[in-house]
Structure formats: C-alpha cells, structure tokens
C-alpha atoms as a PDB file:
ATOM      1  CA  MET A   1      96.978  42.599 -27.200  1.00  0.00           C
ATOM      2  CA  LEU A   2      94.979  43.825 -30.583  1.00  0.00           C
ATOM      3  CA  VAL A   3      93.898  41.583 -33.276  1.00  0.00           C
ATOM      4  CA  THR A   4      93.067  42.572 -36.967  1.00  0.00           C
ATOM      5  CA  LYS A   5      89.974  42.139 -38.244  1.00  0.00           C
ATOM      6  CA  ALA A   6      89.714  41.081 -41.890  1.00  0.00           C
ATOM      7  CA  SER A   7      88.648  44.543 -43.218  1.00  0.00           C
ATOM      8  CA  GLY A   8      91.980  45.878 -41.657  1.00  0.00           C
ATOM      9  CA  GLU A   9      90.221  47.596 -38.482  1.00  0.00           C
ATOM     10  CA  ARG A  10      92.276  46.332 -35.400  1.00  0.00           C
ATOM     11  CA  GLU A  11      90.439  45.989 -31.416  1.00  0.00           C
ATOM     12  CA  GLU A  12      91.825  44.871 -28.686  1.00  0.00           C
ATOM     13  CA  PHE A  13      91.508  41.127 -28.435  1.00  0.00           C
ATOM     14  CA  ASN A  14      88.149  39.630 -26.190  1.00  0.00           C
ATOM     15  CA  PRO A  15      88.362  36.562 -24.642  1.00  0.00           C
ATOM     16  CA  GLU A  16      85.397  36.612 -23.153  1.00  0.00           C
ATOM     17  CA  LYS A  17      84.003  37.066 -26.587  1.00  0.00           C
ATOM     18  CA  LEU A  18      85.977  34.159 -27.839  1.00  0.00           C
ATOM     19  CA  LYS A  19      84.465  32.346 -25.288  1.00  0.00           C
ATOM     20  CA  GLN A  20      80.755  33.463 -26.028  1.00  0.00           C
ATOM     21  CA  THR A  21      81.033  32.793 -30.124  1.00  0.00           C
ATOM     22  CA  CYS A  22      82.092  29.184 -28.901  1.00  0.00           C
ATOM     23  CA  LEU A  23      79.257  28.091 -26.163  1.00  0.00           C
ATOM     24  CA  ARG A  24      76.714  29.869 -29.069  1.00  0.00           C
ATOM     25  CA  ALA A  25      78.447  27.282 -31.634  1.00  0.00           C
ATOM     26  CA  GLY A  26      76.860  24.875 -29.097  1.00  0.00           C
ATOM     27  CA  ALA A  27      80.948  24.204 -27.392  1.00  0.00           C
ATOM     28  CA  PRO A  28      80.409  23.180 -23.753  1.00  0.00           C
ATOM     29  CA  GLU A  29      81.712  25.209 -21.036  1.00  0.00           C
ATOM     30  CA  GLN A  30      85.134  23.526 -20.469  1.00  0.00           C
ATOM     31  CA  LEU A  31      85.574  23.156 -24.052  1.00  0.00           C
ATOM     32  CA  ALA A  32      85.041  27.023 -24.781  1.00  0.00           C
ATOM     33  CA  ASP A  33      87.613  27.980 -21.767  1.00  0.00           C
ATOM     34  CA  ARG A  34      90.112  25.542 -23.564  1.00  0.00           C
ATOM     35  CA  VAL A  35      89.760  27.400 -26.667  1.00  0.00           C
ATOM     36  CA  VAL A  36      90.745  30.450 -25.365  1.00  0.00           C
ATOM     37  CA  LYS A  37      93.268  29.414 -23.298  1.00  0.00           C
ATOM     38  CA  GLU A  38      94.884  27.754 -26.469  1.00  0.00           C
ATOM     39  CA  VAL A  39      94.503  30.834 -28.336  1.00  0.00           C
ATOM     40  CA  GLU A  40      95.771  32.932 -24.896  1.00  0.00           C
ATOM     41  CA  LYS A  41      98.948  31.214 -25.680  1.00  0.00           C
ATOM     42  CA  GLU A  42      99.121  31.306 -29.303  1.00  0.00           C
ATOM     43  CA  ILE A  43      98.634  34.915 -29.621  1.00  0.00           C
ATOM     44  CA  PHE A  44     100.673  38.574 -30.401  1.00  0.00           C
ATOM     45  CA  ASP A  45      99.974  42.017 -31.373  1.00  0.00           C
ATOM     46  CA  GLY A  46      98.360  42.259 -34.568  1.00  0.00           C
ATOM     47  CA  ILE A  47      97.144  38.752 -34.932  1.00  0.00           C
ATOM     48  CA  PHE A  48      94.597  38.052 -37.467  1.00  0.00           C
ATOM     49  CA  THR A  49      90.944  37.027 -36.828  1.00  0.00           C
ATOM     50  CA  LYS A  50      91.285  34.452 -39.060  1.00  0.00           C
ATOM     51  CA  GLN A  51      94.543  32.848 -37.418  1.00  0.00           C
ATOM     52  CA  ILE A  52      92.453  32.795 -34.104  1.00  0.00           C
ATOM     53  CA  LEU A  53      89.810  30.988 -36.264  1.00  0.00           C
ATOM     54  CA  LYS A  54      92.157  28.383 -37.245  1.00  0.00           C
ATOM     55  CA  ILE A  55      92.923  27.560 -33.800  1.00  0.00           C
ATOM     56  CA  ALA A  56      89.956  27.292 -32.919  1.00  0.00           C
ATOM     57  CA  LEU A  57      88.926  25.430 -35.017  1.00  0.00           C
ATOM     58  CA  SER A  58      91.362  22.977 -34.928  1.00  0.00           C
ATOM     59  CA  ILE A  59      90.617  21.628 -31.093  1.00  0.00           C
ATOM     60  CA  LEU A  60      87.002  22.023 -32.326  1.00  0.00           C
ATOM     61  CA  ASP A  61      87.802  20.092 -34.844  1.00  0.00           C
ATOM     62  CA  ARG A  62      88.819  16.697 -33.051  1.00  0.00           C
ATOM     63  CA  GLU A  63      86.646  17.298 -30.019  1.00  0.00           C
ATOM     64  CA  MET A  64      83.129  18.187 -31.859  1.00  0.00           C
ATOM     65  CA  PRO A  65      83.201  18.360 -35.227  1.00  0.00           C
ATOM     66  CA  HIS A  66      79.474  19.924 -35.537  1.00  0.00           C
ATOM     67  CA  VAL A  67      80.327  22.566 -33.131  1.00  0.00           C
ATOM     68  CA  ALA A  68      83.493  23.743 -35.372  1.00  0.00           C
ATOM     69  CA  ALA A  69      80.662  23.322 -38.383  1.00  0.00           C
ATOM     70  CA  LYS A  70      78.800  25.967 -36.693  1.00  0.00           C
ATOM     71  CA  TYR A  71      81.318  28.033 -35.325  1.00  0.00           C
ATOM     72  CA  ASP A  72      82.578  28.432 -39.009  1.00  0.00           C
ATOM     73  CA  LEU A  73      79.345  28.583 -40.544  1.00  0.00           C
ATOM     74  CA  LYS A  74      80.164  32.210 -42.228  1.00  0.00           C
ATOM     75  CA  GLY A  75      83.008  30.600 -43.698  1.00  0.00           C
ATOM     76  CA  ALA A  76      80.744  27.377 -45.336  1.00  0.00           C
ATOM     77  CA  ILE A  77      78.826  30.284 -46.526  1.00  0.00           C
ATOM     78  CA  MET A  78      81.858  31.559 -48.860  1.00  0.00           C
ATOM     79  CA  ARG A  79      82.667  28.441 -49.951  1.00  0.00           C
ATOM     80  CA  LEU A  80      79.246  27.654 -51.491  1.00  0.00           C
ATOM     81  CA  GLY A  81      80.558  29.159 -54.840  1.00  0.00           C
ATOM     82  CA  PRO A  82      83.199  27.473 -55.444  1.00  0.00           C
ATOM     83  CA  ALA A  83      81.705  24.508 -54.720  1.00  0.00           C
ATOM     84  CA  GLY A  84      79.235  25.130 -57.790  1.00  0.00           C
ATOM     85  CA  PHE A  85      76.179  25.920 -55.369  1.00  0.00           C
ATOM     86  CA  GLU A  86      74.085  29.766 -56.185  1.00  0.00           C
ATOM     87  CA  PHE A  87      73.651  32.439 -53.628  1.00  0.00           C
ATOM     88  CA  GLU A  88      70.360  32.857 -55.018  1.00  0.00           C
ATOM     89  CA  ASN A  89      69.452  28.945 -54.497  1.00  0.00           C
ATOM     90  CA  LEU A  90      70.277  29.677 -51.223  1.00  0.00           C
ATOM     91  CA  ILE A  91      68.113  33.291 -49.843  1.00  0.00           C
ATOM     92  CA  GLY A  92      65.802  31.581 -52.026  1.00  0.00           C
ATOM     93  CA  GLU A  93      65.110  28.312 -49.952  1.00  0.00           C
ATOM     94  CA  ILE A  94      65.869  30.591 -47.038  1.00  0.00           C
ATOM     95  CA  LEU A  95      62.799  32.670 -47.290  1.00  0.00           C
ATOM     96  CA  ARG A  96      60.454  29.297 -49.150  1.00  0.00           C
ATOM     97  CA  GLU A  97      61.131  28.181 -45.325  1.00  0.00           C
ATOM     98  CA  TYR A  98      59.565  31.772 -43.738  1.00  0.00           C
ATOM     99  CA  GLY A  99      56.395  31.179 -45.546  1.00  0.00           C
ATOM    100  CA  TYR A 100      57.694  33.352 -49.085  1.00  0.00           C
ATOM    101  CA  ASN A 101      57.146  31.988 -52.753  1.00  0.00           C
ATOM    102  CA  THR A 102      60.851  32.663 -54.242  1.00  0.00           C
ATOM    103  CA  LYS A 103      61.169  32.510 -58.093  1.00  0.00           C
ATOM    104  CA  ILE A 104      65.219  32.481 -58.975  1.00  0.00           C
ATOM    105  CA  HIS A 105      66.897  34.386 -62.281  1.00  0.00           C
ATOM    106  CA  ASN A 106      63.415  35.193 -63.467  1.00  0.00           C
ATOM    107  CA  ILE A 107      63.674  37.951 -66.360  1.00  0.00           C
ATOM    108  CA  VAL A 108      61.609  40.598 -65.904  1.00  0.00           C
ATOM    109  CA  ARG A 109      60.557  43.751 -69.042  1.00  0.00           C
ATOM    110  CA  GLY A 110      61.361  47.187 -66.797  1.00  0.00           C
ATOM    111  CA  PHE A 111      59.557  50.470 -67.988  1.00  0.00           C
ATOM    112  CA  CYS A 112      63.684  50.617 -70.093  1.00  0.00           C
ATOM    113  CA  ILE A 113      64.781  47.326 -70.465  1.00  0.00           C
ATOM    114  CA  GLU A 114      64.627  44.138 -68.900  1.00  0.00           C
ATOM    115  CA  HIS A 115      66.060  42.515 -66.086  1.00  0.00           C
ATOM    116  CA  GLU A 116      67.298  38.971 -64.568  1.00  0.00           C
ATOM    117  CA  VAL A 117      65.934  39.730 -60.923  1.00  0.00           C
ATOM    118  CA  ASP A 118      68.152  37.018 -58.431  1.00  0.00           C
ATOM    119  CA  VAL A 119      65.328  36.535 -56.459  1.00  0.00           C
ATOM    120  CA  ILE A 120      61.608  37.181 -56.701  1.00  0.00           C
ATOM    121  CA  ALA A 121      60.171  36.951 -53.500  1.00  0.00           C
ATOM    122  CA  GLU A 122      56.193  37.125 -52.401  1.00  0.00           C
ATOM    123  CA  THR A 123      54.234  36.492 -49.065  1.00  0.00           C
ATOM    124  CA  MET A 124      51.048  38.395 -47.865  1.00  0.00           C
ATOM    125  CA  VAL A 125      51.048  41.135 -45.339  1.00  0.00           C
ATOM    126  CA  ASP A 126      47.773  42.126 -43.082  1.00  0.00           C
ATOM    127  CA  GLY A 127      45.587  40.639 -46.636  1.00  0.00           C
ATOM    128  CA  ALA A 128      47.841  42.731 -49.100  1.00  0.00           C
ATOM    129  CA  ARG A 129      50.378  41.082 -51.527  1.00  0.00           C
ATOM    130  CA  GLU A 130      53.882  42.361 -51.202  1.00  0.00           C
ATOM    131  CA  THR A 131      56.271  41.307 -54.057  1.00  0.00           C
ATOM    132  CA  GLY A 132      60.106  41.637 -53.401  1.00  0.00           C
ATOM    133  CA  MET A 133      62.315  42.290 -56.441  1.00  0.00           C
ATOM    134  CA  ILE A 134      66.105  40.911 -54.534  1.00  0.00           C
ATOM    135  CA  GLU A 135      69.415  41.308 -55.421  1.00  0.00           C
ATOM    136  CA  CYS A 136      71.847  38.771 -54.276  1.00  0.00           C
ATOM    137  CA  LYS A 137      75.871  40.263 -53.823  1.00  0.00           C
ATOM    138  CA  TYR A 138      78.049  37.257 -52.770  1.00  0.00           C
ATOM    139  CA  HIS A 139      81.552  37.241 -51.462  1.00  0.00           C
ATOM    140  CA  ASN A 140      83.995  34.619 -50.839  1.00  0.00           C
ATOM    141  CA  ALA A 141      86.327  36.512 -48.967  1.00  0.00           C
ATOM    142  CA  SER A 142      86.100  38.146 -45.538  1.00  0.00           C
ATOM    143  CA  GLY A 143      86.202  41.584 -44.763  1.00  0.00           C
ATOM    144  CA  ILE A 144      84.773  42.871 -48.419  1.00  0.00           C
ATOM    145  CA  PHE A 145      81.665  45.466 -47.575  1.00  0.00           C
ATOM    146  CA  SER A 146      78.543  45.985 -50.483  1.00  0.00           C
ATOM    147  CA  GLY A 147      79.145  49.118 -51.067  1.00  0.00           C
ATOM    148  CA  VAL A 148      77.096  52.132 -52.124  1.00  0.00           C
ATOM    149  CA  LYS A 149      77.128  51.638 -55.762  1.00  0.00           C
ATOM    150  CA  ASP A 150      75.569  48.269 -55.407  1.00  0.00           C
ATOM    151  CA  VAL A 151      72.713  49.753 -53.521  1.00  0.00           C
ATOM    152  CA  LEU A 152      72.144  52.739 -55.769  1.00  0.00           C
ATOM    153  CA  TYR A 153      72.295  50.001 -58.602  1.00  0.00           C
ATOM    154  CA  THR A 154      69.550  47.887 -56.995  1.00  0.00           C
ATOM    155  CA  TYR A 155      67.463  51.099 -56.577  1.00  0.00           C
ATOM    156  CA  ALA A 156      67.758  52.318 -60.285  1.00  0.00           C
ATOM    157  CA  ARG A 157      66.286  48.510 -61.206  1.00  0.00           C
ATOM    158  CA  PHE A 158      63.817  48.239 -58.809  1.00  0.00           C
ATOM    159  CA  LEU A 159      61.887  51.271 -60.122  1.00  0.00           C
ATOM    160  CA  ASP A 160      62.487  50.868 -63.735  1.00  0.00           C
ATOM    161  CA  LEU A 161      60.675  47.649 -62.461  1.00  0.00           C
ATOM    162  CA  GLN A 162      57.958  49.231 -61.024  1.00  0.00           C
ATOM    163  CA  GLN A 163      57.717  51.095 -64.304  1.00  0.00           C
ATOM    164  CA  GLY A 164      57.385  48.874 -66.214  1.00  0.00           C
ATOM    165  CA  GLU A 165      54.110  47.072 -64.361  1.00  0.00           C
ATOM    166  CA  LYS A 166      52.143  47.527 -67.209  1.00  0.00           C
ATOM    167  CA  PHE A 167      54.551  45.372 -69.289  1.00  0.00           C
ATOM    168  CA  SER A 168      55.489  42.807 -67.098  1.00  0.00           C
ATOM    169  CA  LYS A 169      52.404  42.452 -65.408  1.00  0.00           C
ATOM    170  CA  MET A 170      54.397  42.316 -62.104  1.00  0.00           C
ATOM    171  CA  ARG A 171      53.342  44.888 -59.372  1.00  0.00           C
ATOM    172  CA  PHE A 172      57.164  45.235 -57.148  1.00  0.00           C
ATOM    173  CA  THR A 173      56.721  46.478 -53.369  1.00  0.00           C
ATOM    174  CA  GLN A 174      59.745  45.749 -51.544  1.00  0.00           C
ATOM    175  CA  CYS A 175      63.298  46.371 -52.777  1.00  0.00           C
ATOM    176  CA  TRP A 176      65.744  43.879 -51.057  1.00  0.00           C
ATOM    177  CA  LEU A 177      69.385  44.100 -51.493  1.00  0.00           C
ATOM    178  CA  VAL A 178      70.962  40.952 -49.823  1.00  0.00           C
ATOM    179  CA  SER A 179      74.829  39.927 -48.741  1.00  0.00           C
ATOM    180  CA  ASN A 180      77.148  37.098 -47.093  1.00  0.00           C
ATOM    181  CA  THR A 181      79.059  40.157 -45.425  1.00  0.00           C
ATOM    182  CA  LYS A 182      78.707  43.478 -44.469  1.00  0.00           C
ATOM    183  CA  PHE A 183      77.485  47.113 -45.584  1.00  0.00           C
ATOM    184  CA  SER A 184      79.051  50.374 -45.617  1.00  0.00           C
ATOM    185  CA  SER A 185      77.268  52.805 -43.151  1.00  0.00           C
ATOM    186  CA  ASP A 186      76.848  54.784 -46.278  1.00  0.00           C
ATOM    187  CA  VAL A 187      74.683  51.828 -47.883  1.00  0.00           C
ATOM    188  CA  ILE A 188      72.009  51.425 -44.339  1.00  0.00           C
ATOM    189  CA  LYS A 189      71.981  55.382 -44.406  1.00  0.00           C
ATOM    190  CA  TYR A 190      70.803  55.125 -48.120  1.00  0.00           C
ATOM    191  CA  ALA A 191      68.322  52.107 -47.585  1.00  0.00           C
ATOM    192  CA  ASP A 192      66.766  53.970 -44.350  1.00  0.00           C
ATOM    193  CA  CYS A 193      65.890  56.325 -46.865  1.00  0.00           C
ATOM    194  CA  ARG A 194      64.426  54.408 -49.468  1.00  0.00           C
ATOM    195  CA  ASN A 195      63.353  52.150 -47.151  1.00  0.00           C
ATOM    196  CA  ILE A 196      65.024  49.359 -48.816  1.00  0.00           C
ATOM    197  CA  ILE A 197      65.453  45.578 -47.308  1.00  0.00           C
ATOM    198  CA  LEU A 198      68.871  44.951 -45.908  1.00  0.00           C
ATOM    199  CA  ILE A 199      69.734  41.600 -45.009  1.00  0.00           C
ATOM    200  CA  GLY A 200      73.697  41.258 -44.345  1.00  0.00           C
ATOM    201  CA  TRP A 201      75.405  38.283 -42.268  1.00  0.00           C
ATOM    202  CA  LYS A 202      75.121  39.315 -39.091  1.00  0.00           C
ATOM    203  CA  TYR A 203      72.430  42.849 -40.173  1.00  0.00           C
ATOM    204  CA  PRO A 204      70.250  43.250 -38.903  1.00  0.00           C
ATOM    205  CA  ASP A 205      71.659  42.698 -35.680  1.00  0.00           C
ATOM    206  CA  LYS A 206      68.082  42.801 -33.992  1.00  0.00           C
ATOM    207  CA  ILE A 207      64.473  43.462 -35.187  1.00  0.00           C
ATOM    208  CA  ASP A 208      61.286  45.079 -34.126  1.00  0.00           C
ATOM    209  CA  SER A 209      58.865  42.276 -33.321  1.00  0.00           C
ATOM    210  CA  ARG A 210      55.985  44.765 -34.403  1.00  0.00           C
ATOM    211  CA  ASP A 211      57.107  45.378 -37.948  1.00  0.00           C
ATOM    212  CA  LYS A 212      55.466  43.024 -39.932  1.00  0.00           C
ATOM    213  CA  ASN A 213      57.676  43.272 -42.516  1.00  0.00           C
ATOM    214  CA  ALA A 214      61.154  43.090 -40.811  1.00  0.00           C
ATOM    215  CA  VAL A 215      63.776  40.014 -41.869  1.00  0.00           C
ATOM    216  CA  PRO A 216      66.023  38.771 -39.578  1.00  0.00           C
ATOM    217  CA  SER A 217      70.168  38.764 -40.259  1.00  0.00           C
ATOM    218  CA  LEU A 218      71.545  36.241 -42.613  1.00  0.00           C
ATOM    219  CA  LYS A 219      72.598  34.165 -39.945  1.00  0.00           C
ATOM    220  CA  MET A 220      69.858  34.149 -38.006  1.00  0.00           C
ATOM    221  CA  MET A 221      68.068  32.666 -40.074  1.00  0.00           C
ATOM    222  CA  LEU A 222      70.166  29.878 -41.155  1.00  0.00           C
ATOM    223  CA  ASP A 223      70.482  29.135 -37.446  1.00  0.00           C
ATOM    224  CA  GLU A 224      66.653  29.423 -36.819  1.00  0.00           C
ATOM    225  CA  LYS A 225      65.952  27.493 -39.779  1.00  0.00           C
ATOM    226  CA  LYS A 226      68.877  25.397 -39.494  1.00  0.00           C
ATOM    227  CA  LEU A 227      69.682  25.051 -43.146  1.00  0.00           C
ATOM    228  CA  TYR A 228      73.601  24.407 -42.509  1.00  0.00           C
ATOM    229  CA  PRO A 229      74.673  23.902 -46.048  1.00  0.00           C
ATOM    230  CA  ILE A 230      76.921  20.811 -46.582  1.00  0.00           C
ATOM    231  CA  THR A 231      79.956  23.069 -47.114  1.00  0.00           C
ATOM    232  CA  ALA A 232      80.269  23.499 -42.963  1.00  0.00           C
ATOM    233  CA  LEU A 233      80.435  19.676 -42.533  1.00  0.00           C
ATOM    234  CA  ARG A 234      83.779  19.225 -41.646  1.00  0.00           C
ATOM    235  CA  THR A 235      84.197  15.781 -42.776  1.00  0.00           C
ATOM    236  CA  MET A 236      83.420  16.474 -45.968  1.00  0.00           C
ATOM    237  CA  ASP A 237      86.130  16.106 -48.821  1.00  0.00           C
ATOM    238  CA  ARG A 238      86.578  17.895 -52.022  1.00  0.00           C
ATOM    239  CA  ILE A 239      85.129  14.955 -54.416  1.00  0.00           C
ATOM    240  CA  SER A 240      82.009  14.221 -52.145  1.00  0.00           C
ATOM    241  CA  GLN A 241      80.914  18.161 -52.425  1.00  0.00           C
ATOM    242  CA  GLU A 242      81.013  18.186 -55.974  1.00  0.00           C
ATOM    243  CA  LYS A 243      78.854  15.056 -56.142  1.00  0.00           C
ATOM    244  CA  LEU A 244      76.376  16.271 -53.986  1.00  0.00           C
ATOM    245  CA  ALA A 245      76.567  19.459 -55.749  1.00  0.00           C
ATOM    246  CA  ALA A 246      75.961  17.759 -58.889  1.00  0.00           C
ATOM    247  CA  ALA A 247      72.897  15.740 -57.042  1.00  0.00           C
ATOM    248  CA  GLY A 248      71.766  19.358 -55.980  1.00  0.00           C
ATOM    249  CA  LEU A 249      72.108  18.710 -52.586  1.00  0.00           C
ATOM    250  CA  MET A 250      72.688  21.979 -50.587  1.00  0.00           C
ATOM    251  CA  PHE A 251      71.834  21.598 -46.884  1.00  0.00           C
ATOM    252  CA  CYS A 252      72.926  19.251 -44.350  1.00  0.00           C
ATOM    253  CA  LYS A 253      68.578  18.489 -43.856  1.00  0.00           C
ATOM    254  CA  ASP A 254      68.659  17.193 -47.244  1.00  0.00           C
ATOM    255  CA  LEU A 255      71.380  14.541 -46.217  1.00  0.00           C
ATOM    256  CA  VAL A 256      69.313  13.762 -43.034  1.00  0.00           C
ATOM    257  CA  ARG A 257      66.280  13.184 -45.038  1.00  0.00           C
ATOM    258  CA  THR A 258      66.792  11.700 -48.038  1.00  0.00           C
ATOM    259  CA  LYS A 259      67.305   7.745 -47.500  1.00  0.00           C
ATOM    260  CA  ILE A 260      71.206   6.456 -47.884  1.00  0.00           C
ATOM    261  CA  GLU A 261      70.146   4.019 -50.417  1.00  0.00           C
ATOM    262  CA  LYS A 262      69.274   6.799 -52.897  1.00  0.00           C
ATOM    263  CA  LEU A 263      71.599   9.299 -51.396  1.00  0.00           C
ATOM    264  CA  GLU A 264      74.321   6.266 -52.678  1.00  0.00           C
ATOM    265  CA  ALA A 265      72.439   5.873 -55.995  1.00  0.00           C
ATOM    266  CA  ASP A 266      72.201   9.551 -57.203  1.00  0.00           C
ATOM    267  CA  THR A 267      75.903  10.419 -56.039  1.00  0.00           C
ATOM    268  CA  GLY A 268      77.742   7.512 -56.316  1.00  0.00           C
ATOM    269  CA  ILE A 269      79.746   8.060 -52.713  1.00  0.00           C
ATOM    270  CA  SER A 270      80.531   5.680 -51.019  1.00  0.00           C
ATOM    271  CA  ARG A 271      77.884   4.045 -48.307  1.00  0.00           C
ATOM    272  CA  ARG A 272      80.907   3.953 -45.405  1.00  0.00           C
ATOM    273  CA  LYS A 273      81.531   7.922 -46.282  1.00  0.00           C
ATOM    274  CA  LEU A 274      77.462   8.799 -46.619  1.00  0.00           C
ATOM    275  CA  LYS A 275      77.459   7.639 -43.054  1.00  0.00           C
ATOM    276  CA  GLU A 276      80.250   9.797 -41.797  1.00  0.00           C
ATOM    277  CA  LEU A 277      78.618  12.580 -43.045  1.00  0.00           C
ATOM    278  CA  ILE A 278      74.947  12.098 -42.208  1.00  0.00           C
ATOM    279  CA  ALA A 279      76.098  11.544 -38.454  1.00  0.00           C
ATOM    280  CA  GLU A 280      77.662  15.392 -38.754  1.00  0.00           C
ATOM    281  CA  ALA A 281      74.760  16.242 -40.538  1.00  0.00           C
ATOM    282  CA  GLU A 282      72.118  15.062 -37.564  1.00  0.00           C
ATOM    283  CA  ALA A 283      74.850  16.411 -35.229  1.00  0.00           C
ATOM    284  CA  LEU A 284      74.665  19.529 -36.742  1.00  0.00           C
ATOM    285  CA  CYS A 285      70.901  20.134 -36.981  1.00  0.00           C
ATOM    286  CA  ASN A 286      70.083  19.194 -33.634  1.00  0.00           C
ATOM    287  CA  ALA A 287      72.629  21.238 -32.123  1.00  0.00           C
END
C-alpha cells in the first residue's frame, strides 16, 4: 500500500513508523496501537500523508490533546505566520535558549548595499567570538523545499556583509540558512562546500558532539528546550490565538509561567478559557 507525501513522492505505508511517531509524541503504547489500527482500516492506495495525519489527530485529540499537539508540531510551526507571529522571532528565541545573544531584523551596511539581517546570533567558541548572519525561510505549507537560489542569495549577502566590516564594524564569521521545511540535495551539497550552517525541520538528522559549532535540527531544538508555540494547543481557538499574539505571547511556557491575573488583563481572554489553555500547555511542557 503506497502513501503520497506532500512533495508528491510515494512510499510504502509503514505501520511501525506511524506507531513510533505516536510513541515519541508521548502516546501510551495502547493508544499508539489504536491509532495504527484506525489508520489501517481507512487507508487506501495513494492516500496522502495529510489524510493519515487527520485520522491520527482525530483520535489523539479525543484522548490526549497534549499528545496531539506534539504529534502535529510541524503543523503548529506552519500556523505561526497566519497567527501573526514571525518565524525570525521563533528562531531568535530558540537560539537564546542555547546561549546565543540574538538580534532580530537589523539593518547592516555591507560593502555594496545595506541588508536587513533576519537574525544576528553571537556566541563564544573556545574564547573566540562567532557572529552568525541568519537567513530565515519560512513556509506555511508542506512539501515545499528551500532551493539553490535561496542558499546562493544567502551566501551572496553574507559575502557582502563580510566585506563591509569596515563600514558596519560587525565581523560576520558564520552564514546560516534556517527553514521550517526541507532542503534540496543541491542546497545541502552547496552548503557543505561553503561551510554554511543549515537548519531544517529534521535537518541535520544527527550532529557530531565533537563539533562545537554543530546545531541540531529545528524539531530537535523545539523538543529539547520544550519551546512549543501556542499554535500547537489543540484547545486553542482563533480569537484567543489572536489575542495572545497581540500580547506578544508566543510559547506555551509563557502561558505556564505568567500569572493568570496578568494573562486575563493583558489579553481579555476569559479566565475559564485561560485555565483550559494553561492546563494543556502544562501537560505539553511536562510531557
């Protein structure tokens, strides 16, 4: 039985892979088995992976919403843009959790022209300062790859900024390209050739612990630091989401750490609804 991925690529349906995905999201084995059985009942040749996702989420939403939230974390990231959040802010916050000093949307003089840099990230490695120029490529739909033109454009800007050091007084040492989806094989090949740091949804799939400049994949960082966006919450409604966005609350941890009285005053969301959201956020952050 073949399933169709968002990219159009087809692969054999693997029930064990589906089960392991449920288990990694925090589902008990019995619930994971139920999801697999339900999918196997409804599956047909050529079914899209998004249809399998919908079947799985319908069960997880009923039984354990916080597990559904983690299971659909990629979807939560894709809902950030329409919800009024900037991907650059997400990346800046993640890197701060990893000890970087970050700046968002800075105008920096290059040798030829000025550039708006999505994220500037600074850290110390073996006593030396490393400053990264980070280009963010955000997509709100699955199956979209960041292609060669993206990495070429990013590297060209990096070179101009490096050569403009005498004007900006900023010494960029690293070039990054960060995406919430995938990279084409040519992007990976070019990045390896030019020492560009690539961060994708599941790229890199593993890192060398001996490499002090190594950075995990976006999914790995979100899970490791439990930086789950509020768009992951299954009990979230559009109006509450908009109010939280207007108040600058991007992460579930913000809901958990902020007193309910302040949340109520800052957002205008009812206490009953806030309690519901906070309960799910706590379950997700503690999973």
